[in-house]
């Protein structure tokens, strides 16, 4: 069943989540990663900018949109953002972008959205309980996966450098529409 997953780490993750579902340690790491991401997003957006790096839409926004979209379609995203109005507002802006609609929304086949919603409903209560358990164990988010933090931090540095130093402003609208 898992022989077609070439990367051993990915195979372990897929196998664990298949066999253990919400109780997989990889799910707990995912919860930590999402919490860290949404916490950082809220902090950045608290500064008053419309987007993650200020007033200009950037690769940081593009990077987060598919993850948020999947959680949204699964009906799970509010688990993380109920008390983060600025992240909710960011998502309302992000999902209206023509490039997002053309690149993601328009590619869904009939029935895929409802299928994802049904799948999310099956795990919602368990996932919410696991999220609460995470918050109780790591109230200051110290349990976030260091590898994810380094990855997320490096993406932010790359995006910041790319936007601030390497590319004339504004970025071509065809890239960031």
C-alpha atoms as a PDB file:
ATOM      1  CA  UNK A   1       0.000   0.000   0.000  1.00  0.00           C
ATOM      2  CA  UNK A   2       2.794   2.504   0.796  1.00  0.00           C
ATOM      3  CA  UNK A   3       5.484   1.167  -1.562  1.00  0.00           C
ATOM      4  CA  UNK A   4       4.772   3.892  -4.136  1.00  0.00           C
ATOM      5  CA  UNK A   5       5.808   6.633  -1.673  1.00  0.00           C
ATOM      6  CA  UNK A   6       9.493   6.968  -2.512  1.00  0.00           C
ATOM      7  CA  UNK A   7      10.669   9.300   0.243  1.00  0.00           C
ATOM      8  CA  UNK A   8      11.045   7.211   3.448  1.00  0.00           C
ATOM      9  CA  UNK A   9      10.087  10.122   5.724  1.00  0.00           C
ATOM     10  CA  UNK A  10       6.995  10.881   3.709  1.00  0.00           C
ATOM     11  CA  UNK A  11       6.115   7.187   3.620  1.00  0.00           C
ATOM     12  CA  UNK A  12       6.365   7.027   7.428  1.00  0.00           C
ATOM     13  CA  UNK A  13       4.124  10.066   7.746  1.00  0.00           C
ATOM     14  CA  UNK A  14       1.528   8.720   5.298  1.00  0.00           C
ATOM     15  CA  UNK A  15       1.562   5.290   6.928  1.00  0.00           C
ATOM     16  CA  UNK A  16       1.263   6.707  10.442  1.00  0.00           C
ATOM     17  CA  UNK A  17      -1.637   8.999   9.595  1.00  0.00           C
ATOM     18  CA  UNK A  18      -3.391   6.208   7.702  1.00  0.00           C
ATOM     19  CA  UNK A  19      -2.984   3.710  10.540  1.00  0.00           C
ATOM     20  CA  UNK A  20      -3.474   6.040  13.527  1.00  0.00           C
ATOM     21  CA  UNK A  21      -5.555   8.902  12.124  1.00  0.00           C
ATOM     22  CA  UNK A  22      -5.826  11.868  14.484  1.00  0.00           C
ATOM     23  CA  UNK A  23      -3.722  10.006  17.078  1.00  0.00           C
ATOM     24  CA  UNK A  24      -0.673   9.971  14.803  1.00  0.00           C
ATOM     25  CA  UNK A  25       2.249  11.995  16.177  1.00  0.00           C
ATOM     26  CA  UNK A  26       2.482  13.578  12.733  1.00  0.00           C
ATOM     27  CA  UNK A  27      -0.984  15.070  13.230  1.00  0.00           C
ATOM     28  CA  UNK A  28       0.160  16.579  16.514  1.00  0.00           C
ATOM     29  CA  UNK A  29       3.172  18.088  14.711  1.00  0.00           C
ATOM     30  CA  UNK A  30       0.821  19.424  12.038  1.00  0.00           C
ATOM     31  CA  UNK A  31      -1.356  21.031  14.691  1.00  0.00           C
ATOM     32  CA  UNK A  32       1.746  22.694  16.132  1.00  0.00           C
ATOM     33  CA  UNK A  33       2.838  23.895  12.698  1.00  0.00           C
ATOM     34  CA  UNK A  34      -0.563  25.398  11.917  1.00  0.00           C
ATOM     35  CA  UNK A  35      -0.756  27.052  15.327  1.00  0.00           C
ATOM     36  CA  UNK A  36       2.677  28.586  14.822  1.00  0.00           C
ATOM     37  CA  UNK A  37       1.802  29.765  11.323  1.00  0.00           C
ATOM     38  CA  UNK A  38      -1.516  31.336  12.327  1.00  0.00           C
ATOM     39  CA  UNK A  39      -0.010  32.898  15.429  1.00  0.00           C
ATOM     40  CA  UNK A  40       2.753  34.451  13.312  1.00  0.00           C
ATOM     41  CA  UNK A  41       0.257  35.554  10.668  1.00  0.00           C
ATOM     42  CA  UNK A  42      -1.850  37.289  13.316  1.00  0.00           C
ATOM     43  CA  UNK A  43       1.234  39.025  14.701  1.00  0.00           C
ATOM     44  CA  UNK A  44       2.273  40.263  11.254  1.00  0.00           C
ATOM     45  CA  UNK A  45      -1.242  41.409  10.380  1.00  0.00           C
ATOM     46  CA  UNK A  46      -1.598  43.207  13.729  1.00  0.00           C
ATOM     47  CA  UNK A  47       0.858  45.723  12.338  1.00  0.00           C
ATOM     48  CA  UNK A  48      -1.917  47.073  10.142  1.00  0.00           C
ATOM     49  CA  UNK A  49      -0.818  45.748   6.774  1.00  0.00           C
ATOM     50  CA  UNK A  50      -3.271  44.074   4.449  1.00  0.00           C
ATOM     51  CA  UNK A  51      -0.865  41.251   3.666  1.00  0.00           C
ATOM     52  CA  UNK A  52       1.714  39.213   5.550  1.00  0.00           C
ATOM     53  CA  UNK A  53       4.638  41.461   4.677  1.00  0.00           C
ATOM     54  CA  UNK A  54       2.777  44.757   4.761  1.00  0.00           C
ATOM     55  CA  UNK A  55       0.597  46.463   2.201  1.00  0.00           C
ATOM     56  CA  UNK A  56       1.836  44.521  -0.793  1.00  0.00           C
ATOM     57  CA  UNK A  57       0.736  40.994  -1.665  1.00  0.00           C
ATOM     58  CA  UNK A  58       3.807  38.731  -1.627  1.00  0.00           C
ATOM     59  CA  UNK A  59       5.163  35.214  -1.884  1.00  0.00           C
ATOM     60  CA  UNK A  60       4.481  34.827   1.854  1.00  0.00           C
ATOM     61  CA  UNK A  61       0.753  35.175   1.119  1.00  0.00           C
ATOM     62  CA  UNK A  62       0.976  32.873  -1.889  1.00  0.00           C
ATOM     63  CA  UNK A  63       2.734  30.260   0.259  1.00  0.00           C
ATOM     64  CA  UNK A  64      -0.021  30.196   2.898  1.00  0.00           C
ATOM     65  CA  UNK A  65      -3.071  30.315   0.637  1.00  0.00           C
ATOM     66  CA  UNK A  66      -3.211  26.616  -0.375  1.00  0.00           C
ATOM     67  CA  UNK A  67      -2.854  25.479   3.251  1.00  0.00           C
ATOM     68  CA  UNK A  68      -5.581  27.815   4.455  1.00  0.00           C
ATOM     69  CA  UNK A  69      -7.757  26.853   1.509  1.00  0.00           C
ATOM     70  CA  UNK A  70      -7.519  23.150   2.326  1.00  0.00           C
ATOM     71  CA  UNK A  71      -8.409  23.760   5.976  1.00  0.00           C
ATOM     72  CA  UNK A  72     -11.279  25.961   4.848  1.00  0.00           C
ATOM     73  CA  UNK A  73     -12.687  23.325   2.475  1.00  0.00           C
ATOM     74  CA  UNK A  74     -12.373  20.689   5.174  1.00  0.00           C
ATOM     75  CA  UNK A  75     -14.331  22.936   7.524  1.00  0.00           C
ATOM     76  CA  UNK A  76     -11.437  22.889   9.995  1.00  0.00           C
ATOM     77  CA  UNK A  77      -9.827  26.267   9.643  1.00  0.00           C
ATOM     78  CA  UNK A  78     -11.910  27.988  12.289  1.00  0.00           C
ATOM     79  CA  UNK A  79     -10.334  25.692  14.886  1.00  0.00           C
ATOM     80  CA  UNK A  80      -7.225  27.885  14.591  1.00  0.00           C
ATOM     81  CA  UNK A  81      -8.596  31.298  13.670  1.00  0.00           C
ATOM     82  CA  UNK A  82     -11.789  31.843  15.682  1.00  0.00           C
ATOM     83  CA  UNK A  83     -10.030  34.444  17.842  1.00  0.00           C
ATOM     84  CA  UNK A  84      -7.851  35.830  15.066  1.00  0.00           C
ATOM     85  CA  UNK A  85     -10.019  38.343  13.215  1.00  0.00           C
ATOM     86  CA  UNK A  86      -7.077  39.766  11.279  1.00  0.00           C
ATOM     87  CA  UNK A  87      -6.313  36.331   9.811  1.00  0.00           C
ATOM     88  CA  UNK A  88      -9.983  35.896   8.879  1.00  0.00           C
ATOM     89  CA  UNK A  89      -9.894  39.274   7.098  1.00  0.00           C
ATOM     90  CA  UNK A  90      -6.662  38.295   5.319  1.00  0.00           C
ATOM     91  CA  UNK A  91      -8.333  35.110   4.062  1.00  0.00           C
ATOM     92  CA  UNK A  92     -11.360  37.049   2.782  1.00  0.00           C
ATOM     93  CA  UNK A  93      -9.004  39.245   0.738  1.00  0.00           C
ATOM     94  CA  UNK A  94      -6.791  36.381  -0.397  1.00  0.00           C
ATOM     95  CA  UNK A  95      -9.538  34.141  -1.737  1.00  0.00           C
ATOM     96  CA  UNK A  96     -10.896  37.005  -3.885  1.00  0.00           C
ATOM     97  CA  UNK A  97      -7.669  37.365  -5.851  1.00  0.00           C
ATOM     98  CA  UNK A  98      -8.121  36.483  -9.532  1.00  0.00           C
ATOM     99  CA  UNK A  99      -4.950  34.370  -9.571  1.00  0.00           C
ATOM    100  CA  UNK A 100      -6.204  32.306  -6.627  1.00  0.00           C
ATOM    101  CA  UNK A 101      -9.576  31.747  -8.257  1.00  0.00           C
ATOM    102  CA  UNK A 102      -7.981  30.793 -11.582  1.00  0.00           C
ATOM    103  CA  UNK A 103      -5.164  28.740 -10.075  1.00  0.00           C
ATOM    104  CA  UNK A 104      -7.044  26.816  -7.410  1.00  0.00           C
ATOM    105  CA  UNK A 105     -10.799  27.316  -7.236  1.00  0.00           C
ATOM    106  CA  UNK A 106     -11.448  26.863 -10.959  1.00  0.00           C
ATOM    107  CA  UNK A 107      -9.628  23.511 -10.931  1.00  0.00           C
ATOM    108  CA  UNK A 108     -11.987  21.744  -8.561  1.00  0.00           C
ATOM    109  CA  UNK A 109     -14.149  19.102 -10.128  1.00  0.00           C
ATOM    110  CA  UNK A 110     -17.857  18.845  -9.271  1.00  0.00           C
ATOM    111  CA  UNK A 111     -18.317  17.167  -5.917  1.00  0.00           C
ATOM    112  CA  UNK A 112     -14.741  17.641  -4.661  1.00  0.00           C
ATOM    113  CA  UNK A 113     -15.639  20.500  -2.335  1.00  0.00           C
ATOM    114  CA  UNK A 114     -18.517  18.616  -0.716  1.00  0.00           C
ATOM    115  CA  UNK A 115     -16.343  15.499  -0.445  1.00  0.00           C
ATOM    116  CA  UNK A 116     -13.708  17.490   1.455  1.00  0.00           C
ATOM    117  CA  UNK A 117     -16.364  18.991   3.753  1.00  0.00           C
ATOM    118  CA  UNK A 118     -17.690  15.520   4.553  1.00  0.00           C
ATOM    119  CA  UNK A 119     -14.171  14.269   5.317  1.00  0.00           C
ATOM    120  CA  UNK A 120     -13.483  17.237   7.575  1.00  0.00           C
ATOM    121  CA  UNK A 121     -16.712  16.722   9.515  1.00  0.00           C
ATOM    122  CA  UNK A 122     -15.680  13.146  10.314  1.00  0.00           C
ATOM    123  CA  UNK A 123     -12.537  14.289  12.145  1.00  0.00           C
ATOM    124  CA  UNK A 124     -13.521  17.762  13.324  1.00  0.00           C
ATOM    125  CA  UNK A 125     -14.344  16.987  16.956  1.00  0.00           C
ATOM    126  CA  UNK A 126     -11.289  14.777  17.426  1.00  0.00           C
ATOM    127  CA  UNK A 127      -9.026  17.362  15.801  1.00  0.00           C
ATOM    128  CA  UNK A 128     -10.457  20.195  17.908  1.00  0.00           C
ATOM    129  CA  UNK A 129      -9.845  18.121  21.052  1.00  0.00           C
ATOM    130  CA  UNK A 130      -6.289  17.363  19.931  1.00  0.00           C
ATOM    131  CA  UNK A 131      -5.737  21.070  19.272  1.00  0.00           C
ATOM    132  CA  UNK A 132      -6.968  21.933  22.767  1.00  0.00           C
ATOM    133  CA  UNK A 133      -4.630  19.298  24.173  1.00  0.00           C
ATOM    134  CA  UNK A 134      -1.763  20.924  22.289  1.00  0.00           C
ATOM    135  CA  UNK A 135      -2.658  24.365  23.697  1.00  0.00           C
ATOM    136  CA  UNK A 136      -2.784  22.953  27.228  1.00  0.00           C
ATOM    137  CA  UNK A 137       0.599  21.257  26.855  1.00  0.00           C
ATOM    138  CA  UNK A 138       2.255  24.200  25.119  1.00  0.00           C
ATOM    139  CA  UNK A 139       0.399  27.382  26.100  1.00  0.00           C
ATOM    140  CA  UNK A 140       3.142  29.600  24.698  1.00  0.00           C
ATOM    141  CA  UNK A 141       3.539  27.529  21.532  1.00  0.00           C
ATOM    142  CA  UNK A 142       6.905  26.170  22.672  1.00  0.00           C
ATOM    143  CA  UNK A 143       5.953  22.788  21.274  1.00  0.00           C
ATOM    144  CA  UNK A 144       5.977  23.930  17.667  1.00  0.00           C
ATOM    145  CA  UNK A 145       8.126  21.792  15.430  1.00  0.00           C
ATOM    146  CA  UNK A 146      11.573  23.420  15.177  1.00  0.00           C
ATOM    147  CA  UNK A 147      12.025  22.151  11.636  1.00  0.00           C
ATOM    148  CA  UNK A 148       8.814  23.910  10.603  1.00  0.00           C
ATOM    149  CA  UNK A 149       9.846  27.079  12.426  1.00  0.00           C
ATOM    150  CA  UNK A 150      13.167  27.155  10.587  1.00  0.00           C
ATOM    151  CA  UNK A 151      11.427  26.466   7.271  1.00  0.00           C
ATOM    152  CA  UNK A 152       8.794  29.128   7.877  1.00  0.00           C
ATOM    153  CA  UNK A 153      11.448  31.595   9.049  1.00  0.00           C
ATOM    154  CA  UNK A 154      13.598  30.932   5.969  1.00  0.00           C
ATOM    155  CA  UNK A 155      10.589  31.446   3.673  1.00  0.00           C
ATOM    156  CA  UNK A 156       9.904  34.781   5.371  1.00  0.00           C
ATOM    157  CA  UNK A 157      13.535  35.843   4.944  1.00  0.00           C
ATOM    158  CA  UNK A 158      13.571  34.807   1.290  1.00  0.00           C
ATOM    159  CA  UNK A 159      10.277  36.600   0.645  1.00  0.00           C
ATOM    160  CA  UNK A 160      11.386  39.717   2.490  1.00  0.00           C
ATOM    161  CA  UNK A 161      14.711  39.849   0.674  1.00  0.00           C
ATOM    162  CA  UNK A 162      13.045  39.125  -2.627  1.00  0.00           C
ATOM    163  CA  UNK A 163      10.466  41.847  -2.169  1.00  0.00           C
ATOM    164  CA  UNK A 164      12.570  44.480  -0.457  1.00  0.00           C
ATOM    165  CA  UNK A 165      15.909  44.202  -2.230  1.00  0.00           C
ATOM    166  CA  UNK A 166      15.764  42.209  -5.439  1.00  0.00           C
ATOM    167  CA  UNK A 167      12.623  43.242  -7.260  1.00  0.00           C
ATOM    168  CA  UNK A 168      11.457  46.688  -8.205  1.00  0.00           C
ATOM    169  CA  UNK A 169       8.154  47.555  -6.610  1.00  0.00           C
ATOM    170  CA  UNK A 170       5.430  46.812  -7.426  1.00  0.00           C
ATOM    171  CA  UNK A 171       5.915  43.215  -8.470  1.00  0.00           C
ATOM    172  CA  UNK A 172       4.474  42.331 -11.868  1.00  0.00           C
ATOM    173  CA  UNK A 173       0.727  41.997 -11.484  1.00  0.00           C
ATOM    174  CA  UNK A 174       0.701  38.777 -13.535  1.00  0.00           C
ATOM    175  CA  UNK A 175       2.676  37.098 -10.751  1.00  0.00           C
ATOM    176  CA  UNK A 176       0.757  38.538  -7.844  1.00  0.00           C
ATOM    177  CA  UNK A 177      -2.722  39.158  -9.250  1.00  0.00           C
END
